[in-house]
Amino acid sequence: MWSAILNSNGQVTLPRALRQALGLAAGSRVTFEFGSNYATLKPASNSVDHACGMLHRPGAKAVSVGAMNDAIRRCMRESRR
């Protein structure tokens, strides 16, 4: 179990081990679900609309889907370390 302290601005720094376990990095979005006396934090999944245009670079060479999949796998492996 992890714990953190709420600062005067209402912010909490998540412990590194928790961020790593959830695959969170700076800029990651999280969601909160509330029960009667608890809250659950979960990584938020973005819709496809969020990714629209993110990969476009004027003048850049086109990349195959296979190359993109390889890059995604590589990033996922690195983020789990």
PDB file of N, CA and C in Angstrom:
ATOM      1  N   MET A   1       0.847  -1.176   0.000  1.00  0.00           N
ATOM      2  CA  MET A   1       0.000   0.000   0.000  1.00  0.00           C
ATOM      3  C   MET A   1       0.890   1.236   0.000  1.00  0.00           C
ATOM      4  N   TRP A   2       0.475   2.242  -0.742  1.00  0.00           N
ATOM      5  CA  TRP A   2       1.221   3.496  -0.824  1.00  0.00           C
ATOM      6  C   TRP A   2       0.441   4.592  -0.130  1.00  0.00           C
ATOM      7  N   SER A   3       1.160   5.623   0.297  1.00  0.00           N
ATOM      8  CA  SER A   3       0.491   6.792   0.858  1.00  0.00           C
ATOM      9  C   SER A   3       1.208   8.050   0.379  1.00  0.00           C
ATOM     10  N   ALA A   4       0.525   9.171   0.462  1.00  0.00           N
ATOM     11  CA  ALA A   4       1.085  10.457   0.064  1.00  0.00           C
ATOM     12  C   ALA A   4       0.423  11.528   0.915  1.00  0.00           C
ATOM     13  N   ILE A   5       0.989  12.718   0.895  1.00  0.00           N
ATOM     14  CA  ILE A   5       0.467  13.832   1.691  1.00  0.00           C
ATOM     15  C   ILE A   5      -0.106  14.886   0.756  1.00  0.00           C
ATOM     16  N   LEU A   6      -1.277  15.382   1.092  1.00  0.00           N
ATOM     17  CA  LEU A   6      -1.931  16.450   0.347  1.00  0.00           C
ATOM     18  C   LEU A   6      -1.272  17.769   0.741  1.00  0.00           C
ATOM     19  N   ASN A   7      -0.791  18.557  -0.251  1.00  0.00           N
ATOM     20  CA  ASN A   7      -0.151  19.830   0.090  1.00  0.00           C
ATOM     21  C   ASN A   7      -1.194  20.949   0.173  1.00  0.00           C
ATOM     22  N   SER A   8      -0.744  22.151   0.470  1.00  0.00           N
ATOM     23  CA  SER A   8      -1.662  23.274   0.675  1.00  0.00           C
ATOM     24  C   SER A   8      -2.407  23.670  -0.596  1.00  0.00           C
ATOM     25  N   ASN A   9      -1.917  23.262  -1.756  1.00  0.00           N
ATOM     26  CA  ASN A   9      -2.604  23.531  -3.024  1.00  0.00           C
ATOM     27  C   ASN A   9      -3.563  22.416  -3.403  1.00  0.00           C
ATOM     28  N   GLY A  10      -3.737  21.426  -2.534  1.00  0.00           N
ATOM     29  CA  GLY A  10      -4.619  20.300  -2.831  1.00  0.00           C
ATOM     30  C   GLY A  10      -3.994  19.293  -3.778  1.00  0.00           C
ATOM     31  N   GLN A  11      -2.664  19.300  -3.890  1.00  0.00           N
ATOM     32  CA  GLN A  11      -1.963  18.402  -4.797  1.00  0.00           C
ATOM     33  C   GLN A  11      -1.309  17.269  -4.032  1.00  0.00           C
ATOM     34  N   VAL A  12      -1.187  16.124  -4.720  1.00  0.00           N
ATOM     35  CA  VAL A  12      -0.540  14.947  -4.152  1.00  0.00           C
ATOM     36  C   VAL A  12       0.519  14.477  -5.137  1.00  0.00           C
ATOM     37  N   THR A  13       1.702  14.169  -4.642  1.00  0.00           N
ATOM     38  CA  THR A  13       2.728  13.551  -5.478  1.00  0.00           C
ATOM     39  C   THR A  13       2.611  12.050  -5.298  1.00  0.00           C
ATOM     40  N   LEU A  14       2.357  11.348  -6.415  1.00  0.00           N
ATOM     41  CA  LEU A  14       2.241   9.894  -6.346  1.00  0.00           C
ATOM     42  C   LEU A  14       3.636   9.284  -6.185  1.00  0.00           C
ATOM     43  N   PRO A  15       3.796   8.337  -5.298  1.00  0.00           N
ATOM     44  CA  PRO A  15       5.097   7.683  -5.135  1.00  0.00           C
ATOM     45  C   PRO A  15       5.567   7.053  -6.455  1.00  0.00           C
ATOM     46  N   ARG A  16       6.865   7.095  -6.673  1.00  0.00           N
ATOM     47  CA  ARG A  16       7.456   6.588  -7.919  1.00  0.00           C
ATOM     48  C   ARG A  16       7.019   5.151  -8.213  1.00  0.00           C
ATOM     49  N   ALA A  17       7.038   4.293  -7.202  1.00  0.00           N
ATOM     50  CA  ALA A  17       6.670   2.885  -7.417  1.00  0.00           C
ATOM     51  C   ALA A  17       5.227   2.765  -7.913  1.00  0.00           C
ATOM     52  N   LEU A  18       4.346   3.614  -7.412  1.00  0.00           N
ATOM     53  CA  LEU A  18       2.952   3.603  -7.856  1.00  0.00           C
ATOM     54  C   LEU A  18       2.837   4.093  -9.292  1.00  0.00           C
ATOM     55  N   ARG A  19       3.550   5.185  -9.619  1.00  0.00           N
ATOM     56  CA  ARG A  19       3.534   5.692 -11.000  1.00  0.00           C
ATOM     57  C   ARG A  19       4.037   4.633 -11.967  1.00  0.00           C
ATOM     58  N   GLN A  20       5.101   3.947 -11.572  1.00  0.00           N
ATOM     59  CA  GLN A  20       5.652   2.899 -12.438  1.00  0.00           C
ATOM     60  C   GLN A  20       4.678   1.738 -12.578  1.00  0.00           C
ATOM     61  N   ALA A  21       4.054   1.342 -11.483  1.00  0.00           N
ATOM     62  CA  ALA A  21       3.103   0.223 -11.525  1.00  0.00           C
ATOM     63  C   ALA A  21       1.915   0.525 -12.422  1.00  0.00           C
ATOM     64  N   LEU A  22       1.504   1.790 -12.477  1.00  0.00           N
ATOM     65  CA  LEU A  22       0.354   2.182 -13.304  1.00  0.00           C
ATOM     66  C   LEU A  22       0.763   2.645 -14.692  1.00  0.00           C
ATOM     67  N   GLY A  23       2.073   2.724 -14.965  1.00  0.00           N
ATOM     68  CA  GLY A  23       2.545   3.177 -16.271  1.00  0.00           C
ATOM     69  C   GLY A  23       2.300   4.663 -16.487  1.00  0.00           C
ATOM     70  N   LEU A  24       2.379   5.459 -15.424  1.00  0.00           N
ATOM     71  CA  LEU A  24       2.130   6.895 -15.512  1.00  0.00           C
ATOM     72  C   LEU A  24       3.436   7.660 -15.656  1.00  0.00           C
ATOM     73  N   ALA A  25       3.384   8.734 -16.425  1.00  0.00           N
ATOM     74  CA  ALA A  25       4.530   9.621 -16.591  1.00  0.00           C
ATOM     75  C   ALA A  25       3.999  11.052 -16.537  1.00  0.00           C
ATOM     76  N   ALA A  26       4.893  12.013 -16.549  1.00  0.00           N
ATOM     77  CA  ALA A  26       4.472  13.414 -16.541  1.00  0.00           C
ATOM     78  C   ALA A  26       3.489  13.657 -17.680  1.00  0.00           C
ATOM     79  N   GLY A  27       2.384  14.292 -17.384  1.00  0.00           N
ATOM     80  CA  GLY A  27       1.363  14.568 -18.389  1.00  0.00           C
ATOM     81  C   GLY A  27       0.305  13.484 -18.514  1.00  0.00           C
ATOM     82  N   SER A  28       0.490  12.357 -17.845  1.00  0.00           N
ATOM     83  CA  SER A  28      -0.510  11.283 -17.898  1.00  0.00           C
ATOM     84  C   SER A  28      -1.802  11.761 -17.241  1.00  0.00           C
ATOM     85  N   ARG A  29      -2.912  11.310 -17.779  1.00  0.00           N
ATOM     86  CA  ARG A  29      -4.210  11.622 -17.186  1.00  0.00           C
ATOM     87  C   ARG A  29      -4.660  10.447 -16.336  1.00  0.00           C
ATOM     88  N   VAL A  30      -5.336  10.770 -15.243  1.00  0.00           N
ATOM     89  CA  VAL A  30      -5.893   9.745 -14.374  1.00  0.00           C
ATOM     90  C   VAL A  30      -7.360  10.073 -14.131  1.00  0.00           C
ATOM     91  N   THR A  31      -8.115   9.059 -13.772  1.00  0.00           N
ATOM     92  CA  THR A  31      -9.511   9.262 -13.408  1.00  0.00           C
ATOM     93  C   THR A  31      -9.697   8.810 -11.963  1.00  0.00           C
ATOM     94  N   PHE A  32     -10.718   9.325 -11.327  1.00  0.00           N
ATOM     95  CA  PHE A  32     -11.034   8.959  -9.954  1.00  0.00           C
ATOM     96  C   PHE A  32     -12.448   8.412  -9.916  1.00  0.00           C
ATOM     97  N   GLU A  33     -12.628   7.319  -9.219  1.00  0.00           N
ATOM     98  CA  GLU A  33     -13.955   6.762  -8.972  1.00  0.00           C
ATOM     99  C   GLU A  33     -14.171   6.797  -7.475  1.00  0.00           C
ATOM    100  N   PHE A  34     -15.359   7.223  -7.077  1.00  0.00           N
ATOM    101  CA  PHE A  34     -15.631   7.407  -5.655  1.00  0.00           C
ATOM    102  C   PHE A  34     -16.642   6.396  -5.149  1.00  0.00           C
ATOM    103  N   GLY A  35     -16.394   5.903  -3.943  1.00  0.00           N
ATOM    104  CA  GLY A  35     -17.335   5.052  -3.229  1.00  0.00           C
ATOM    105  C   GLY A  35     -17.791   5.800  -1.985  1.00  0.00           C
ATOM    106  N   SER A  36     -18.400   5.118  -1.069  1.00  0.00           N
ATOM    107  CA  SER A  36     -18.923   5.776   0.129  1.00  0.00           C
ATOM    108  C   SER A  36     -17.815   6.354   1.007  1.00  0.00           C
ATOM    109  N   ASN A  37     -16.693   5.683   1.088  1.00  0.00           N
ATOM    110  CA  ASN A  37     -15.590   6.207   1.909  1.00  0.00           C
ATOM    111  C   ASN A  37     -14.222   5.922   1.302  1.00  0.00           C
ATOM    112  N   TYR A  38     -14.161   5.888  -0.019  1.00  0.00           N
ATOM    113  CA  TYR A  38     -12.878   5.644  -0.681  1.00  0.00           C
ATOM    114  C   TYR A  38     -12.890   6.279  -2.066  1.00  0.00           C
ATOM    115  N   ALA A  39     -11.707   6.437  -2.645  1.00  0.00           N
ATOM    116  CA  ALA A  39     -11.553   6.885  -4.028  1.00  0.00           C
ATOM    117  C   ALA A  39     -10.561   5.955  -4.697  1.00  0.00           C
ATOM    118  N   THR A  40     -10.808   5.643  -5.940  1.00  0.00           N
ATOM    119  CA  THR A  40      -9.917   4.792  -6.735  1.00  0.00           C
ATOM    120  C   THR A  40      -9.328   5.630  -7.863  1.00  0.00           C
ATOM    121  N   LEU A  41      -8.020   5.588  -8.011  1.00  0.00           N
ATOM    122  CA  LEU A  41      -7.326   6.300  -9.079  1.00  0.00           C
ATOM    123  C   LEU A  41      -6.986   5.294 -10.167  1.00  0.00           C
ATOM    124  N   LYS A  42      -7.289   5.643 -11.420  1.00  0.00           N
ATOM    125  CA  LYS A  42      -6.971   4.756 -12.545  1.00  0.00           C
ATOM    126  C   LYS A  42      -6.365   5.571 -13.677  1.00  0.00           C
ATOM    127  N   PRO A  43      -5.433   4.966 -14.448  1.00  0.00           N
ATOM    128  CA  PRO A  43      -4.952   5.655 -15.644  1.00  0.00           C
ATOM    129  C   PRO A  43      -6.127   5.871 -16.584  1.00  0.00           C
ATOM    130  N   ALA A  44      -6.215   7.056 -17.175  1.00  0.00           N
ATOM    131  CA  ALA A  44      -7.290   7.351 -18.113  1.00  0.00           C
ATOM    132  C   ALA A  44      -6.855   6.933 -19.507  1.00  0.00           C
ATOM    133  N   SER A  45      -7.758   6.350 -20.252  1.00  0.00           N
ATOM    134  CA  SER A  45      -7.448   6.011 -21.640  1.00  0.00           C
ATOM    135  C   SER A  45      -8.004   7.124 -22.518  1.00  0.00           C
ATOM    136  N   ASN A  46      -7.213   7.517 -23.478  1.00  0.00           N
ATOM    137  CA  ASN A  46      -7.625   8.572 -24.394  1.00  0.00           C
ATOM    138  C   ASN A  46      -8.395   7.987 -25.565  1.00  0.00           C
ATOM    139  N   SER A  47      -9.287   8.776 -26.104  1.00  0.00           N
ATOM    140  CA  SER A  47     -10.008   8.343 -27.300  1.00  0.00           C
ATOM    141  C   SER A  47      -9.093   8.517 -28.509  1.00  0.00           C
ATOM    142  N   VAL A  48      -9.476   7.945 -29.612  1.00  0.00           N
ATOM    143  CA  VAL A  48      -8.719   8.079 -30.860  1.00  0.00           C
ATOM    144  C   VAL A  48      -8.651   9.540 -31.278  1.00  0.00           C
ATOM    145  N   ASP A  49      -9.693  10.301 -30.998  1.00  0.00           N
ATOM    146  CA  ASP A  49      -9.706  11.717 -31.361  1.00  0.00           C
ATOM    147  C   ASP A  49      -8.536  12.473 -30.736  1.00  0.00           C
ATOM    148  N   HIS A  50      -8.124  12.054 -29.554  1.00  0.00           N
ATOM    149  CA  HIS A  50      -7.023  12.710 -28.867  1.00  0.00           C
ATOM    150  C   HIS A  50      -5.717  12.575 -29.662  1.00  0.00           C
ATOM    151  N   ALA A  51      -5.546  11.478 -30.369  1.00  0.00           N
ATOM    152  CA  ALA A  51      -4.308  11.215 -31.106  1.00  0.00           C
ATOM    153  C   ALA A  51      -4.287  11.839 -32.493  1.00  0.00           C
ATOM    154  N   CYS A  52      -5.409  12.331 -32.951  1.00  0.00           N
ATOM    155  CA  CYS A  52      -5.495  12.867 -34.318  1.00  0.00           C
ATOM    156  C   CYS A  52      -4.456  13.962 -34.551  1.00  0.00           C
ATOM    157  N   GLY A  53      -3.605  13.750 -35.538  1.00  0.00           N
ATOM    158  CA  GLY A  53      -2.613  14.740 -35.928  1.00  0.00           C
ATOM    159  C   GLY A  53      -1.335  14.728 -35.105  1.00  0.00           C
ATOM    160  N   MET A  54      -1.245  13.886 -34.089  1.00  0.00           N
ATOM    161  CA  MET A  54      -0.068  13.890 -33.229  1.00  0.00           C
ATOM    162  C   MET A  54       1.198  13.439 -33.948  1.00  0.00           C
ATOM    163  N   LEU A  55       1.057  12.592 -34.920  1.00  0.00           N
ATOM    164  CA  LEU A  55       2.236  12.034 -35.585  1.00  0.00           C
ATOM    165  C   LEU A  55       2.661  12.814 -36.819  1.00  0.00           C
ATOM    166  N   HIS A  56       1.851  13.746 -37.254  1.00  0.00           N
ATOM    167  CA  HIS A  56       2.164  14.496 -38.471  1.00  0.00           C
ATOM    168  C   HIS A  56       3.329  15.446 -38.238  1.00  0.00           C
ATOM    169  N   ARG A  57       4.336  15.357 -39.101  1.00  0.00           N
ATOM    170  CA  ARG A  57       5.472  16.271 -39.074  1.00  0.00           C
ATOM    171  C   ARG A  57       5.683  16.730 -40.514  1.00  0.00           C
ATOM    172  N   PRO A  58       5.453  18.003 -40.814  1.00  0.00           N
ATOM    173  CA  PRO A  58       5.644  18.488 -42.182  1.00  0.00           C
ATOM    174  C   PRO A  58       7.040  18.134 -42.693  1.00  0.00           C
ATOM    175  N   GLY A  59       7.100  17.554 -43.875  1.00  0.00           N
ATOM    176  CA  GLY A  59       8.369  17.190 -44.491  1.00  0.00           C
ATOM    177  C   GLY A  59       8.959  15.879 -44.013  1.00  0.00           C
ATOM    178  N   ALA A  60       8.335  15.221 -43.052  1.00  0.00           N
ATOM    179  CA  ALA A  60       8.862  13.954 -42.537  1.00  0.00           C
ATOM    180  C   ALA A  60       8.494  12.812 -43.475  1.00  0.00           C
ATOM    181  N   LYS A  61       9.344  11.781 -43.496  1.00  0.00           N
ATOM    182  CA  LYS A  61       9.090  10.590 -44.293  1.00  0.00           C
ATOM    183  C   LYS A  61       7.945   9.786 -43.698  1.00  0.00           C
ATOM    184  N   ALA A  62       7.131   9.187 -44.558  1.00  0.00           N
ATOM    185  CA  ALA A  62       6.039   8.329 -44.092  1.00  0.00           C
ATOM    186  C   ALA A  62       6.622   7.102 -43.385  1.00  0.00           C
ATOM    187  N   VAL A  63       5.921   6.620 -42.373  1.00  0.00           N
ATOM    188  CA  VAL A  63       6.362   5.456 -41.598  1.00  0.00           C
ATOM    189  C   VAL A  63       5.304   4.368 -41.745  1.00  0.00           C
ATOM    190  N   SER A  64       5.746   3.136 -41.923  1.00  0.00           N
ATOM    191  CA  SER A  64       4.796   2.033 -42.087  1.00  0.00           C
ATOM    192  C   SER A  64       4.117   1.701 -40.759  1.00  0.00           C
ATOM    193  N   VAL A  65       2.980   1.039 -40.842  1.00  0.00           N
ATOM    194  CA  VAL A  65       2.262   0.610 -39.643  1.00  0.00           C
ATOM    195  C   VAL A  65       3.136  -0.348 -38.835  1.00  0.00           C
ATOM    196  N   GLY A  66       3.851  -1.219 -39.499  1.00  0.00           N
ATOM    197  CA  GLY A  66       4.746  -2.154 -38.816  1.00  0.00           C
ATOM    198  C   GLY A  66       5.826  -1.426 -38.026  1.00  0.00           C
ATOM    199  N   ALA A  67       6.406  -0.381 -38.631  1.00  0.00           N
ATOM    200  CA  ALA A  67       7.432   0.405 -37.931  1.00  0.00           C
ATOM    201  C   ALA A  67       6.826   1.128 -36.727  1.00  0.00           C
ATOM    202  N   MET A  68       5.591   1.615 -36.880  1.00  0.00           N
ATOM    203  CA  MET A  68       4.914   2.266 -35.753  1.00  0.00           C
ATOM    204  C   MET A  68       4.659   1.271 -34.622  1.00  0.00           C
ATOM    205  N   ASN A  69       4.197   0.066 -34.982  1.00  0.00           N
ATOM    206  CA  ASN A  69       3.950  -0.963 -33.969  1.00  0.00           C
ATOM    207  C   ASN A  69       5.232  -1.331 -33.238  1.00  0.00           C
ATOM    208  N   ASP A  70       6.340  -1.443 -33.974  1.00  0.00           N
ATOM    209  CA  ASP A  70       7.631  -1.745 -33.352  1.00  0.00           C
ATOM    210  C   ASP A  70       8.029  -0.644 -32.370  1.00  0.00           C
ATOM    211  N   ALA A  71       7.839   0.608 -32.756  1.00  0.00           N
ATOM    212  CA  ALA A  71       8.179   1.739 -31.890  1.00  0.00           C
ATOM    213  C   ALA A  71       7.310   1.738 -30.635  1.00  0.00           C
ATOM    214  N   ILE A  72       6.039   1.426 -30.786  1.00  0.00           N
ATOM    215  CA  ILE A  72       5.128   1.370 -29.638  1.00  0.00           C
ATOM    216  C   ILE A  72       5.564   0.267 -28.678  1.00  0.00           C
ATOM    217  N   ARG A  73       5.885  -0.912 -29.214  1.00  0.00           N
ATOM    218  CA  ARG A  73       6.339  -2.018 -28.369  1.00  0.00           C
ATOM    219  C   ARG A  73       7.603  -1.628 -27.597  1.00  0.00           C
ATOM    220  N   ARG A  74       8.539  -0.970 -28.309  1.00  0.00           N
ATOM    221  CA  ARG A  74       9.797  -0.558 -27.698  1.00  0.00           C
ATOM    222  C   ARG A  74       9.535   0.439 -26.552  1.00  0.00           C
ATOM    223  N   CYS A  75       8.657   1.398 -26.785  1.00  0.00           N
ATOM    224  CA  CYS A  75       8.326   2.395 -25.755  1.00  0.00           C
ATOM    225  C   CYS A  75       7.633   1.742 -24.562  1.00  0.00           C
ATOM    226  N   MET A  76       6.754   0.781 -24.828  1.00  0.00           N
ATOM    227  CA  MET A  76       6.048   0.097 -23.743  1.00  0.00           C
ATOM    228  C   MET A  76       7.031  -0.686 -22.876  1.00  0.00           C
ATOM    229  N   ARG A  77       7.989  -1.350 -23.515  1.00  0.00           N
ATOM    230  CA  ARG A  77       8.999  -2.098 -22.754  1.00  0.00           C
ATOM    231  C   ARG A  77       9.823  -1.148 -21.893  1.00  0.00           C
ATOM    232  N   GLU A  78      10.239  -0.011 -22.469  1.00  0.00           N
ATOM    233  CA  GLU A  78      11.056   0.945 -21.749  1.00  0.00           C
ATOM    234  C   GLU A  78      10.299   1.576 -20.594  1.00  0.00           C
ATOM    235  N   SER A  79       9.003   1.823 -20.760  1.00  0.00           N
ATOM    236  CA  SER A  79       8.224   2.477 -19.707  1.00  0.00           C
ATOM    237  C   SER A  79       7.953   1.543 -18.530  1.00  0.00           C
ATOM    238  N   ARG A  80       8.092   0.241 -18.730  1.00  0.00           N
ATOM    239  CA  ARG A  80       7.857  -0.729 -17.651  1.00  0.00           C
ATOM    240  C   ARG A  80       9.099  -0.972 -16.810  1.00  0.00           C
ATOM    241  N   ARG A  81      10.209  -0.398 -17.201  1.00  0.00           N
ATOM    242  CA  ARG A  81      11.475  -0.610 -16.462  1.00  0.00           C
ATOM    243  C   ARG A  81      11.534   0.224 -15.232  1.00  0.00           C
TER     244      ARG A  81
END
